[in-house]
């Protein structure tokens, strides 16, 4: 058997296989393999304040998850939830960055922040 150790989770792969002997080569057979994502062992650490907060803006930073569950992280969703509402404001950013500056905050409100991949 052959091992394919670098497959990424949650992706369908098509693998072509042929047999060869002294009599010649067989026709190609296609094998379809689906890899399932695993459940990450633990959630990543919560975002933290990257610098001091200014009056109407702040910067958050976070770490990439140490366990992506077998599926590459392609983007982060930053949720900003004002304390007096259940409606979050969502901002999507590329997984190539792990920080964001959020502006236009209202000093009279409290906010909660969350980041998810």
PDB file of N, CA and C in Angstrom:
ATOM      1  N   UNK A   1       0.809  -1.172   0.000  1.00  0.00           N
ATOM      2  CA  UNK A   1       0.000   0.000   0.000  1.00  0.00           C
ATOM      3  C   UNK A   1       0.866   1.254   0.000  1.00  0.00           C
ATOM      4  N   UNK A   2       0.279   2.326  -0.380  1.00  0.00           N
ATOM      5  CA  UNK A   2       0.962   3.626  -0.406  1.00  0.00           C
ATOM      6  C   UNK A   2       0.383   4.529   0.669  1.00  0.00           C
ATOM      7  N   UNK A   3       1.227   5.354   1.225  1.00  0.00           N
ATOM      8  CA  UNK A   3       0.782   6.328   2.224  1.00  0.00           C
ATOM      9  C   UNK A   3       0.835   7.721   1.615  1.00  0.00           C
ATOM     10  N   UNK A   4      -0.181   8.509   1.887  1.00  0.00           N
ATOM     11  CA  UNK A   4      -0.231   9.893   1.432  1.00  0.00           C
ATOM     12  C   UNK A   4      -0.340  10.778   2.666  1.00  0.00           C
ATOM     13  N   UNK A   5       0.774  11.068   3.331  1.00  0.00           N
ATOM     14  CA  UNK A   5       0.725  11.726   4.636  1.00  0.00           C
ATOM     15  C   UNK A   5       0.369  13.211   4.615  1.00  0.00           C
ATOM     16  N   UNK A   6       0.425  13.883   3.484  1.00  0.00           N
ATOM     17  CA  UNK A   6       0.225  15.329   3.469  1.00  0.00           C
ATOM     18  C   UNK A   6      -1.164  15.744   2.994  1.00  0.00           C
ATOM     19  N   UNK A   7      -2.140  14.857   3.069  1.00  0.00           N
ATOM     20  CA  UNK A   7      -3.495  15.221   2.680  1.00  0.00           C
ATOM     21  C   UNK A   7      -4.087  16.164   3.713  1.00  0.00           C
ATOM     22  N   UNK A   8      -4.866  17.108   3.243  1.00  0.00           N
ATOM     23  CA  UNK A   8      -5.509  18.095   4.107  1.00  0.00           C
ATOM     24  C   UNK A   8      -6.926  17.623   4.384  1.00  0.00           C
ATOM     25  N   UNK A   9      -7.437  17.889   5.577  1.00  0.00           N
ATOM     26  CA  UNK A   9      -8.771  17.460   5.956  1.00  0.00           C
ATOM     27  C   UNK A   9      -9.872  18.172   5.191  1.00  0.00           C
ATOM     28  N   UNK A  10     -11.026  17.524   5.118  1.00  0.00           N
ATOM     29  CA  UNK A  10     -12.250  18.059   4.522  1.00  0.00           C
ATOM     30  C   UNK A  10     -12.100  18.367   3.030  1.00  0.00           C
ATOM     31  N   UNK A  11     -11.357  17.539   2.307  1.00  0.00           N
ATOM     32  CA  UNK A  11     -11.156  17.727   0.868  1.00  0.00           C
ATOM     33  C   UNK A  11     -11.323  16.374   0.180  1.00  0.00           C
ATOM     34  N   UNK A  12     -11.862  16.401  -1.034  1.00  0.00           N
ATOM     35  CA  UNK A  12     -11.990  15.185  -1.830  1.00  0.00           C
ATOM     36  C   UNK A  12     -10.820  15.114  -2.808  1.00  0.00           C
ATOM     37  N   UNK A  13     -10.126  13.996  -2.820  1.00  0.00           N
ATOM     38  CA  UNK A  13      -8.990  13.784  -3.713  1.00  0.00           C
ATOM     39  C   UNK A  13      -9.331  12.689  -4.715  1.00  0.00           C
ATOM     40  N   UNK A  14      -8.869  12.844  -5.952  1.00  0.00           N
ATOM     41  CA  UNK A  14      -8.968  11.793  -6.963  1.00  0.00           C
ATOM     42  C   UNK A  14      -7.552  11.311  -7.230  1.00  0.00           C
ATOM     43  N   UNK A  15      -7.344  10.013  -7.041  1.00  0.00           N
ATOM     44  CA  UNK A  15      -6.013   9.426  -7.180  1.00  0.00           C
ATOM     45  C   UNK A  15      -6.058   8.425  -8.339  1.00  0.00           C
ATOM     46  N   UNK A  16      -5.105   8.559  -9.254  1.00  0.00           N
ATOM     47  CA  UNK A  16      -5.014   7.634 -10.384  1.00  0.00           C
ATOM     48  C   UNK A  16      -3.994   6.546 -10.050  1.00  0.00           C
ATOM     49  N   UNK A  17      -4.376   5.278 -10.302  1.00  0.00           N
ATOM     50  CA  UNK A  17      -3.521   4.138  -9.967  1.00  0.00           C
ATOM     51  C   UNK A  17      -3.388   3.233 -11.193  1.00  0.00           C
ATOM     52  N   UNK A  18      -2.158   2.757 -11.424  1.00  0.00           N
ATOM     53  CA  UNK A  18      -1.886   1.779 -12.488  1.00  0.00           C
ATOM     54  C   UNK A  18      -1.012   0.669 -11.933  1.00  0.00           C
ATOM     55  N   UNK A  19      -1.203  -0.486 -12.460  1.00  0.00           N
ATOM     56  CA  UNK A  19      -0.335  -1.613 -12.097  1.00  0.00           C
ATOM     57  C   UNK A  19       0.614  -1.874 -13.266  1.00  0.00           C
ATOM     58  N   UNK A  20       1.828  -2.314 -12.937  1.00  0.00           N
ATOM     59  CA  UNK A  20       2.804  -2.614 -13.980  1.00  0.00           C
ATOM     60  C   UNK A  20       3.477  -3.939 -13.637  1.00  0.00           C
ATOM     61  N   UNK A  21       3.602  -4.767 -14.663  1.00  0.00           N
ATOM     62  CA  UNK A  21       4.301  -6.050 -14.502  1.00  0.00           C
ATOM     63  C   UNK A  21       5.109  -6.308 -15.769  1.00  0.00           C
ATOM     64  N   UNK A  22       5.721  -7.483 -15.850  1.00  0.00           N
ATOM     65  CA  UNK A  22       6.504  -7.822 -17.047  1.00  0.00           C
ATOM     66  C   UNK A  22       5.599  -7.957 -18.272  1.00  0.00           C
ATOM     67  N   UNK A  23       4.311  -8.150 -18.041  1.00  0.00           N
ATOM     68  CA  UNK A  23       3.366  -8.277 -19.154  1.00  0.00           C
ATOM     69  C   UNK A  23       2.911  -6.914 -19.672  1.00  0.00           C
ATOM     70  N   UNK A  24       3.215  -5.863 -18.937  1.00  0.00           N
ATOM     71  CA  UNK A  24       2.811  -4.530 -19.386  1.00  0.00           C
ATOM     72  C   UNK A  24       2.153  -3.726 -18.276  1.00  0.00           C
ATOM     73  N   UNK A  25       1.481  -2.671 -18.705  1.00  0.00           N
ATOM     74  CA  UNK A  25       0.850  -1.742 -17.763  1.00  0.00           C
ATOM     75  C   UNK A  25      -0.667  -1.852 -17.865  1.00  0.00           C
ATOM     76  N   UNK A  26      -1.343  -1.793 -16.738  1.00  0.00           N
ATOM     77  CA  UNK A  26      -2.803  -1.874 -16.725  1.00  0.00           C
ATOM     78  C   UNK A  26      -3.412  -0.532 -17.116  1.00  0.00           C
ATOM     79  N   UNK A  27      -4.706  -0.552 -17.329  1.00  0.00           N
ATOM     80  CA  UNK A  27      -5.416   0.710 -17.543  1.00  0.00           C
ATOM     81  C   UNK A  27      -5.471   1.446 -16.207  1.00  0.00           C
ATOM     82  N   UNK A  28      -5.628   2.733 -16.303  1.00  0.00           N
ATOM     83  CA  UNK A  28      -5.658   3.569 -15.100  1.00  0.00           C
ATOM     84  C   UNK A  28      -6.991   3.427 -14.375  1.00  0.00           C
ATOM     85  N   UNK A  29      -6.931   3.310 -13.078  1.00  0.00           N
ATOM     86  CA  UNK A  29      -8.127   3.272 -12.256  1.00  0.00           C
ATOM     87  C   UNK A  29      -8.125   4.520 -11.363  1.00  0.00           C
ATOM     88  N   UNK A  30      -9.287   5.126 -11.245  1.00  0.00           N
ATOM     89  CA  UNK A  30      -9.385   6.301 -10.378  1.00  0.00           C
ATOM     90  C   UNK A  30     -10.010   5.905  -9.050  1.00  0.00           C
ATOM     91  N   UNK A  31      -9.421   6.397  -7.990  1.00  0.00           N
ATOM     92  CA  UNK A  31      -9.926   6.170  -6.641  1.00  0.00           C
ATOM     93  C   UNK A  31     -10.231   7.549  -6.059  1.00  0.00           C
ATOM     94  N   UNK A  32     -11.429   7.711  -5.536  1.00  0.00           N
ATOM     95  CA  UNK A  32     -11.813   8.976  -4.915  1.00  0.00           C
ATOM     96  C   UNK A  32     -11.747   8.801  -3.414  1.00  0.00           C
ATOM     97  N   UNK A  33     -10.998   9.681  -2.773  1.00  0.00           N
ATOM     98  CA  UNK A  33     -10.810   9.619  -1.321  1.00  0.00           C
ATOM     99  C   UNK A  33     -11.276  10.935  -0.725  1.00  0.00           C
ATOM    100  N   UNK A  34     -12.133  10.866   0.272  1.00  0.00           N
ATOM    101  CA  UNK A  34     -12.556  12.067   0.983  1.00  0.00           C
ATOM    102  C   UNK A  34     -11.949  12.041   2.377  1.00  0.00           C
ATOM    103  N   UNK A  35     -11.309  13.127   2.740  1.00  0.00           N
ATOM    104  CA  UNK A  35     -10.745  13.216   4.081  1.00  0.00           C
ATOM    105  C   UNK A  35     -11.685  14.063   4.918  1.00  0.00           C
ATOM    106  N   UNK A  36     -11.947  13.632   6.098  1.00  0.00           N
ATOM    107  CA  UNK A  36     -12.834  14.373   6.980  1.00  0.00           C
ATOM    108  C   UNK A  36     -12.046  15.244   7.935  1.00  0.00           C
ATOM    109  N   UNK A  37     -12.606  16.394   8.241  1.00  0.00           N
ATOM    110  CA  UNK A  37     -11.979  17.259   9.235  1.00  0.00           C
ATOM    111  C   UNK A  37     -12.191  16.643  10.612  1.00  0.00           C
ATOM    112  N   UNK A  38     -11.240  16.822  11.471  1.00  0.00           N
ATOM    113  CA  UNK A  38     -11.371  16.341  12.835  1.00  0.00           C
ATOM    114  C   UNK A  38     -11.805  17.496  13.726  1.00  0.00           C
ATOM    115  N   UNK A  39     -12.272  17.171  14.879  1.00  0.00           N
ATOM    116  CA  UNK A  39     -12.644  18.206  15.840  1.00  0.00           C
ATOM    117  C   UNK A  39     -11.378  18.690  16.522  1.00  0.00           C
ATOM    118  N   UNK A  40     -11.115  19.997  16.497  1.00  0.00           N
ATOM    119  CA  UNK A  40      -9.916  20.498  17.170  1.00  0.00           C
ATOM    120  C   UNK A  40      -9.903  20.096  18.644  1.00  0.00           C
ATOM    121  N   UNK A  41      -8.719  19.857  19.168  1.00  0.00           N
ATOM    122  CA  UNK A  41      -8.575  19.415  20.557  1.00  0.00           C
ATOM    123  C   UNK A  41      -9.061  20.471  21.547  1.00  0.00           C
ATOM    124  N   UNK A  42      -8.825  21.729  21.242  1.00  0.00           N
ATOM    125  CA  UNK A  42      -9.234  22.806  22.146  1.00  0.00           C
ATOM    126  C   UNK A  42      -9.369  24.088  21.344  1.00  0.00           C
ATOM    127  N   UNK A  43     -10.233  24.997  21.791  1.00  0.00           N
ATOM    128  CA  UNK A  43     -10.337  26.272  21.078  1.00  0.00           C
ATOM    129  C   UNK A  43      -9.074  27.101  21.287  1.00  0.00           C
ATOM    130  N   UNK A  44      -8.811  28.021  20.350  1.00  0.00           N
ATOM    131  CA  UNK A  44      -7.642  28.883  20.524  1.00  0.00           C
ATOM    132  C   UNK A  44      -7.867  29.852  21.683  1.00  0.00           C
ATOM    133  N   UNK A  45      -6.799  30.457  22.120  1.00  0.00           N
ATOM    134  CA  UNK A  45      -6.890  31.447  23.198  1.00  0.00           C
ATOM    135  C   UNK A  45      -7.728  32.632  22.724  1.00  0.00           C
ATOM    136  N   UNK A  46      -8.400  33.306  23.637  1.00  0.00           N
ATOM    137  CA  UNK A  46      -9.215  34.454  23.236  1.00  0.00           C
ATOM    138  C   UNK A  46      -8.341  35.599  22.729  1.00  0.00           C
ATOM    139  N   UNK A  47      -8.940  36.502  21.933  1.00  0.00           N
ATOM    140  CA  UNK A  47      -8.161  37.657  21.473  1.00  0.00           C
ATOM    141  C   UNK A  47      -7.769  38.520  22.654  1.00  0.00           C
ATOM    142  N   UNK A  48      -6.689  39.267  22.497  1.00  0.00           N
ATOM    143  CA  UNK A  48      -6.250  40.146  23.569  1.00  0.00           C
ATOM    144  C   UNK A  48      -5.983  41.526  22.991  1.00  0.00           C
ATOM    145  N   UNK A  49      -5.961  42.495  23.858  1.00  0.00           N
ATOM    146  CA  UNK A  49      -5.675  43.858  23.455  1.00  0.00           C
ATOM    147  C   UNK A  49      -4.230  43.938  23.012  1.00  0.00           C
ATOM    148  N   UNK A  50      -3.998  44.366  21.777  1.00  0.00           N
ATOM    149  CA  UNK A  50      -2.649  44.410  21.238  1.00  0.00           C
ATOM    150  C   UNK A  50      -1.873  45.619  21.744  1.00  0.00           C
ATOM    151  N   UNK A  51      -2.563  46.704  21.931  1.00  0.00           N
ATOM    152  CA  UNK A  51      -1.963  47.950  22.407  1.00  0.00           C
ATOM    153  C   UNK A  51      -2.977  48.596  23.324  1.00  0.00           C
ATOM    154  N   UNK A  52      -2.656  49.737  23.825  1.00  0.00           N
ATOM    155  CA  UNK A  52      -3.643  50.456  24.623  1.00  0.00           C
ATOM    156  C   UNK A  52      -4.821  50.848  23.751  1.00  0.00           C
ATOM    157  N   UNK A  53      -5.996  50.877  24.349  1.00  0.00           N
ATOM    158  CA  UNK A  53      -7.171  51.322  23.616  1.00  0.00           C
ATOM    159  C   UNK A  53      -7.190  52.841  23.580  1.00  0.00           C
ATOM    160  N   UNK A  54      -7.550  53.378  22.433  1.00  0.00           N
ATOM    161  CA  UNK A  54      -7.708  54.821  22.326  1.00  0.00           C
ATOM    162  C   UNK A  54      -9.160  55.148  22.630  1.00  0.00           C
ATOM    163  N   UNK A  55      -9.535  56.375  22.546  1.00  0.00           N
ATOM    164  CA  UNK A  55     -10.904  56.748  22.899  1.00  0.00           C
ATOM    165  C   UNK A  55     -11.953  56.095  22.009  1.00  0.00           C
ATOM    166  N   UNK A  56     -11.700  55.992  20.732  1.00  0.00           N
ATOM    167  CA  UNK A  56     -12.715  55.448  19.829  1.00  0.00           C
ATOM    168  C   UNK A  56     -12.225  54.268  18.997  1.00  0.00           C
ATOM    169  N   UNK A  57     -11.050  53.737  19.291  1.00  0.00           N
ATOM    170  CA  UNK A  57     -10.570  52.568  18.559  1.00  0.00           C
ATOM    171  C   UNK A  57      -9.670  51.733  19.446  1.00  0.00           C
ATOM    172  N   UNK A  58      -9.512  50.469  19.048  1.00  0.00           N
ATOM    173  CA  UNK A  58      -8.593  49.577  19.762  1.00  0.00           C
ATOM    174  C   UNK A  58      -8.053  48.555  18.792  1.00  0.00           C
ATOM    175  N   UNK A  59      -6.932  47.944  19.157  1.00  0.00           N
ATOM    176  CA  UNK A  59      -6.309  46.904  18.339  1.00  0.00           C
ATOM    177  C   UNK A  59      -6.361  45.588  19.094  1.00  0.00           C
ATOM    178  N   UNK A  60      -6.781  44.547  18.397  1.00  0.00           N
ATOM    179  CA  UNK A  60      -6.825  43.195  18.954  1.00  0.00           C
ATOM    180  C   UNK A  60      -5.832  42.322  18.214  1.00  0.00           C
ATOM    181  N   UNK A  61      -5.298  41.327  18.905  1.00  0.00           N
ATOM    182  CA  UNK A  61      -4.452  40.330  18.246  1.00  0.00           C
ATOM    183  C   UNK A  61      -4.780  38.963  18.826  1.00  0.00           C
ATOM    184  N   UNK A  62      -4.445  37.912  18.100  1.00  0.00           N
ATOM    185  CA  UNK A  62      -4.705  36.541  18.524  1.00  0.00           C
ATOM    186  C   UNK A  62      -3.688  35.639  17.861  1.00  0.00           C
ATOM    187  N   UNK A  63      -3.661  34.383  18.273  1.00  0.00           N
ATOM    188  CA  UNK A  63      -2.755  33.394  17.713  1.00  0.00           C
ATOM    189  C   UNK A  63      -3.521  32.467  16.780  1.00  0.00           C
ATOM    190  N   UNK A  64      -2.822  31.935  15.800  1.00  0.00           N
ATOM    191  CA  UNK A  64      -3.427  30.895  14.957  1.00  0.00           C
ATOM    192  C   UNK A  64      -3.748  29.710  15.868  1.00  0.00           C
ATOM    193  N   UNK A  65      -4.838  28.982  15.592  1.00  0.00           N
ATOM    194  CA  UNK A  65      -5.120  27.790  16.404  1.00  0.00           C
ATOM    195  C   UNK A  65      -3.987  26.783  16.271  1.00  0.00           C
ATOM    196  N   UNK A  66      -3.617  26.158  17.374  1.00  0.00           N
ATOM    197  CA  UNK A  66      -2.562  25.146  17.314  1.00  0.00           C
ATOM    198  C   UNK A  66      -3.073  23.868  16.665  1.00  0.00           C
ATOM    199  N   UNK A  67      -4.390  23.673  16.644  1.00  0.00           N
ATOM    200  CA  UNK A  67      -5.003  22.499  16.030  1.00  0.00           C
ATOM    201  C   UNK A  67      -6.137  22.994  15.138  1.00  0.00           C
ATOM    202  N   UNK A  68      -5.992  22.843  13.829  1.00  0.00           N
ATOM    203  CA  UNK A  68      -7.015  23.340  12.911  1.00  0.00           C
ATOM    204  C   UNK A  68      -8.054  22.277  12.544  1.00  0.00           C
ATOM    205  N   UNK A  69      -8.007  21.142  13.196  1.00  0.00           N
ATOM    206  CA  UNK A  69      -8.982  20.096  12.939  1.00  0.00           C
ATOM    207  C   UNK A  69      -8.807  19.419  11.589  1.00  0.00           C
ATOM    208  N   UNK A  70      -7.662  19.620  10.955  1.00  0.00           N
ATOM    209  CA  UNK A  70      -7.398  18.997   9.666  1.00  0.00           C
ATOM    210  C   UNK A  70      -7.833  19.817   8.475  1.00  0.00           C
ATOM    211  N   UNK A  71      -8.290  21.025   8.702  1.00  0.00           N
ATOM    212  CA  UNK A  71      -8.714  21.891   7.606  1.00  0.00           C
ATOM    213  C   UNK A  71      -8.012  23.234   7.767  1.00  0.00           C
ATOM    214  N   UNK A  72      -7.310  23.670   6.719  1.00  0.00           N
ATOM    215  CA  UNK A  72      -6.551  24.917   6.810  1.00  0.00           C
ATOM    216  C   UNK A  72      -7.450  26.109   7.123  1.00  0.00           C
ATOM    217  N   UNK A  73      -6.979  26.993   7.982  1.00  0.00           N
ATOM    218  CA  UNK A  73      -7.691  28.228   8.289  1.00  0.00           C
ATOM    219  C   UNK A  73      -7.459  29.181   7.126  1.00  0.00           C
ATOM    220  N   UNK A  74      -8.535  29.660   6.500  1.00  0.00           N
ATOM    221  CA  UNK A  74      -8.396  30.562   5.359  1.00  0.00           C
ATOM    222  C   UNK A  74      -8.810  31.991   5.685  1.00  0.00           C
ATOM    223  N   UNK A  75      -9.637  32.147   6.721  1.00  0.00           N
ATOM    224  CA  UNK A  75     -10.016  33.493   7.142  1.00  0.00           C
ATOM    225  C   UNK A  75     -10.459  33.472   8.591  1.00  0.00           C
ATOM    226  N   UNK A  76     -10.452  34.652   9.178  1.00  0.00           N
ATOM    227  CA  UNK A  76     -10.969  34.834  10.524  1.00  0.00           C
ATOM    228  C   UNK A  76     -12.187  35.728  10.453  1.00  0.00           C
ATOM    229  N   UNK A  77     -13.114  35.492  11.352  1.00  0.00           N
ATOM    230  CA  UNK A  77     -14.263  36.365  11.493  1.00  0.00           C
ATOM    231  C   UNK A  77     -14.154  37.018  12.861  1.00  0.00           C
ATOM    232  N   UNK A  78     -14.078  38.325  12.874  1.00  0.00           N
ATOM    233  CA  UNK A  78     -13.994  39.077  14.123  1.00  0.00           C
ATOM    234  C   UNK A  78     -15.405  39.568  14.442  1.00  0.00           C
ATOM    235  N   UNK A  79     -15.881  39.230  15.624  1.00  0.00           N
ATOM    236  CA  UNK A  79     -17.220  39.641  16.049  1.00  0.00           C
ATOM    237  C   UNK A  79     -17.104  40.735  17.091  1.00  0.00           C
ATOM    238  N   UNK A  80     -17.788  41.807  16.875  1.00  0.00           N
ATOM    239  CA  UNK A  80     -17.855  42.932  17.799  1.00  0.00           C
ATOM    240  C   UNK A  80     -19.296  42.979  18.275  1.00  0.00           C
ATOM    241  N   UNK A  81     -19.512  42.796  19.574  1.00  0.00           N
ATOM    242  CA  UNK A  81     -20.869  42.758  20.110  1.00  0.00           C
ATOM    243  C   UNK A  81     -21.021  43.858  21.155  1.00  0.00           C
ATOM    244  N   UNK A  82     -21.748  44.933  20.833  1.00  0.00           N
ATOM    245  CA  UNK A  82     -22.023  45.943  21.845  1.00  0.00           C
ATOM    246  C   UNK A  82     -22.832  45.319  22.984  1.00  0.00           C
ATOM    247  N   UNK A  83     -22.538  45.693  24.222  1.00  0.00           N
ATOM    248  CA  UNK A  83     -23.157  45.074  25.400  1.00  0.00           C
ATOM    249  C   UNK A  83     -24.672  45.231  25.426  1.00  0.00           C
ATOM    250  N   UNK A  84     -25.207  46.280  24.838  1.00  0.00           N
ATOM    251  CA  UNK A  84     -26.648  46.526  24.906  1.00  0.00           C
ATOM    252  C   UNK A  84     -27.421  45.938  23.718  1.00  0.00           C
ATOM    253  N   UNK A  85     -26.801  45.041  22.971  1.00  0.00           N
ATOM    254  CA  UNK A  85     -27.483  44.393  21.855  1.00  0.00           C
ATOM    255  C   UNK A  85     -26.919  42.990  21.657  1.00  0.00           C
ATOM    256  N   UNK A  86     -27.713  42.132  21.066  1.00  0.00           N
ATOM    257  CA  UNK A  86     -27.239  40.772  20.777  1.00  0.00           C
ATOM    258  C   UNK A  86     -26.796  40.656  19.323  1.00  0.00           C
ATOM    259  N   UNK A  87     -26.858  41.737  18.576  1.00  0.00           N
ATOM    260  CA  UNK A  87     -26.498  41.718  17.155  1.00  0.00           C
ATOM    261  C   UNK A  87     -25.022  42.032  16.968  1.00  0.00           C
ATOM    262  N   UNK A  88     -24.232  41.039  16.601  1.00  0.00           N
ATOM    263  CA  UNK A  88     -22.808  41.295  16.406  1.00  0.00           C
ATOM    264  C   UNK A  88     -22.527  42.002  15.082  1.00  0.00           C
ATOM    265  N   UNK A  89     -21.451  42.728  15.055  1.00  0.00           N
ATOM    266  CA  UNK A  89     -20.921  43.293  13.827  1.00  0.00           C
ATOM    267  C   UNK A  89     -19.803  42.355  13.407  1.00  0.00           C
ATOM    268  N   UNK A  90     -19.836  41.880  12.173  1.00  0.00           N
ATOM    269  CA  UNK A  90     -18.857  40.902  11.713  1.00  0.00           C
ATOM    270  C   UNK A  90     -17.894  41.545  10.722  1.00  0.00           C
ATOM    271  N   UNK A  91     -16.644  41.193  10.871  1.00  0.00           N
ATOM    272  CA  UNK A  91     -15.622  41.605   9.916  1.00  0.00           C
ATOM    273  C   UNK A  91     -14.803  40.377   9.567  1.00  0.00           C
ATOM    274  N   UNK A  92     -14.687  40.100   8.296  1.00  0.00           N
ATOM    275  CA  UNK A  92     -13.904  38.948   7.834  1.00  0.00           C
ATOM    276  C   UNK A  92     -12.549  39.435   7.347  1.00  0.00           C
ATOM    277  N   UNK A  93     -11.503  38.728   7.787  1.00  0.00           N
ATOM    278  CA  UNK A  93     -10.157  39.074   7.345  1.00  0.00           C
ATOM    279  C   UNK A  93      -9.407  37.797   6.985  1.00  0.00           C
ATOM    280  N   UNK A  94      -8.420  37.934   6.153  1.00  0.00           N
ATOM    281  CA  UNK A  94      -7.607  36.813   5.695  1.00  0.00           C
ATOM    282  C   UNK A  94      -6.872  36.171   6.865  1.00  0.00           C
ATOM    283  N   UNK A  95      -6.642  34.875   6.767  1.00  0.00           N
ATOM    284  CA  UNK A  95      -5.900  34.160   7.809  1.00  0.00           C
ATOM    285  C   UNK A  95      -4.421  34.518   7.801  1.00  0.00           C
ATOM    286  N   UNK A  96      -3.991  35.324   6.836  1.00  0.00           N
ATOM    287  CA  UNK A  96      -2.581  35.722   6.801  1.00  0.00           C
ATOM    288  C   UNK A  96      -2.259  36.783   7.855  1.00  0.00           C
ATOM    289  N   UNK A  97      -3.278  37.313   8.529  1.00  0.00           N
ATOM    290  CA  UNK A  97      -3.045  38.290   9.593  1.00  0.00           C
ATOM    291  C   UNK A  97      -3.760  37.857  10.863  1.00  0.00           C
ATOM    292  N   UNK A  98      -3.185  38.180  11.988  1.00  0.00           N
ATOM    293  CA  UNK A  98      -3.791  37.815  13.273  1.00  0.00           C
ATOM    294  C   UNK A  98      -3.951  39.049  14.160  1.00  0.00           C
ATOM    295  N   UNK A  99      -4.293  40.165  13.533  1.00  0.00           N
ATOM    296  CA  UNK A  99      -4.593  41.366  14.308  1.00  0.00           C
ATOM    297  C   UNK A  99      -5.522  42.271  13.512  1.00  0.00           C
ATOM    298  N   UNK A 100      -6.196  43.153  14.216  1.00  0.00           N
ATOM    299  CA  UNK A 100      -7.123  44.081  13.575  1.00  0.00           C
ATOM    300  C   UNK A 100      -7.251  45.314  14.464  1.00  0.00           C
ATOM    301  N   UNK A 101      -7.433  46.456  13.854  1.00  0.00           N
ATOM    302  CA  UNK A 101      -7.755  47.681  14.580  1.00  0.00           C
ATOM    303  C   UNK A 101      -9.212  48.012  14.260  1.00  0.00           C
ATOM    304  N   UNK A 102     -10.004  48.182  15.297  1.00  0.00           N
ATOM    305  CA  UNK A 102     -11.427  48.480  15.150  1.00  0.00           C
ATOM    306  C   UNK A 102     -11.632  49.939  15.538  1.00  0.00           C
ATOM    307  N   UNK A 103     -12.253  50.678  14.637  1.00  0.00           N
ATOM    308  CA  UNK A 103     -12.442  52.106  14.839  1.00  0.00           C
ATOM    309  C   UNK A 103     -13.916  52.443  15.016  1.00  0.00           C
ATOM    310  N   UNK A 104     -14.179  53.700  15.301  1.00  0.00           N
ATOM    311  CA  UNK A 104     -15.536  54.240  15.454  1.00  0.00           C
ATOM    312  C   UNK A 104     -16.297  53.604  16.605  1.00  0.00           C
ATOM    313  N   UNK A 105     -15.592  53.317  17.683  1.00  0.00           N
ATOM    314  CA  UNK A 105     -16.251  52.798  18.886  1.00  0.00           C
ATOM    315  C   UNK A 105     -16.866  53.960  19.656  1.00  0.00           C
ATOM    316  N   UNK A 106     -17.944  53.674  20.351  1.00  0.00           N
ATOM    317  CA  UNK A 106     -18.636  54.677  21.161  1.00  0.00           C
ATOM    318  C   UNK A 106     -18.154  54.522  22.601  1.00  0.00           C
ATOM    319  N   UNK A 107     -17.546  55.552  23.150  1.00  0.00           N
ATOM    320  CA  UNK A 107     -16.981  55.474  24.508  1.00  0.00           C
ATOM    321  C   UNK A 107     -18.035  55.205  25.570  1.00  0.00           C
ATOM    322  N   UNK A 108     -19.285  55.473  25.304  1.00  0.00           N
ATOM    323  CA  UNK A 108     -20.337  55.271  26.308  1.00  0.00           C
ATOM    324  C   UNK A 108     -20.863  53.837  26.315  1.00  0.00           C
ATOM    325  N   UNK A 109     -20.369  52.967  25.432  1.00  0.00           N
ATOM    326  CA  UNK A 109     -20.836  51.580  25.353  1.00  0.00           C
ATOM    327  C   UNK A 109     -19.728  50.612  25.742  1.00  0.00           C
ATOM    328  N   UNK A 110     -20.145  49.459  26.232  1.00  0.00           N
ATOM    329  CA  UNK A 110     -19.213  48.354  26.487  1.00  0.00           C
ATOM    330  C   UNK A 110     -19.320  47.397  25.302  1.00  0.00           C
ATOM    331  N   UNK A 111     -18.212  46.702  25.013  1.00  0.00           N
ATOM    332  CA  UNK A 111     -18.172  45.789  23.872  1.00  0.00           C
ATOM    333  C   UNK A 111     -17.567  44.456  24.288  1.00  0.00           C
ATOM    334  N   UNK A 112     -17.994  43.403  23.599  1.00  0.00           N
ATOM    335  CA  UNK A 112     -17.365  42.092  23.699  1.00  0.00           C
ATOM    336  C   UNK A 112     -16.815  41.780  22.315  1.00  0.00           C
ATOM    337  N   UNK A 113     -15.702  41.061  22.291  1.00  0.00           N
ATOM    338  CA  UNK A 113     -15.076  40.686  21.036  1.00  0.00           C
ATOM    339  C   UNK A 113     -14.849  39.193  21.000  1.00  0.00           C
ATOM    340  N   UNK A 114     -14.958  38.615  19.835  1.00  0.00           N
ATOM    341  CA  UNK A 114     -14.648  37.208  19.643  1.00  0.00           C
ATOM    342  C   UNK A 114     -14.019  37.047  18.266  1.00  0.00           C
ATOM    343  N   UNK A 115     -13.168  36.053  18.138  1.00  0.00           N
ATOM    344  CA  UNK A 115     -12.553  35.744  16.848  1.00  0.00           C
ATOM    345  C   UNK A 115     -12.782  34.264  16.593  1.00  0.00           C
ATOM    346  N   UNK A 116     -13.237  33.952  15.399  1.00  0.00           N
ATOM    347  CA  UNK A 116     -13.375  32.541  15.044  1.00  0.00           C
ATOM    348  C   UNK A 116     -12.828  32.311  13.649  1.00  0.00           C
ATOM    349  N   UNK A 117     -12.323  31.101  13.449  1.00  0.00           N
ATOM    350  CA  UNK A 117     -11.718  30.746  12.154  1.00  0.00           C
ATOM    351  C   UNK A 117     -12.772  30.110  11.275  1.00  0.00           C
TER     352      UNK A 117
END
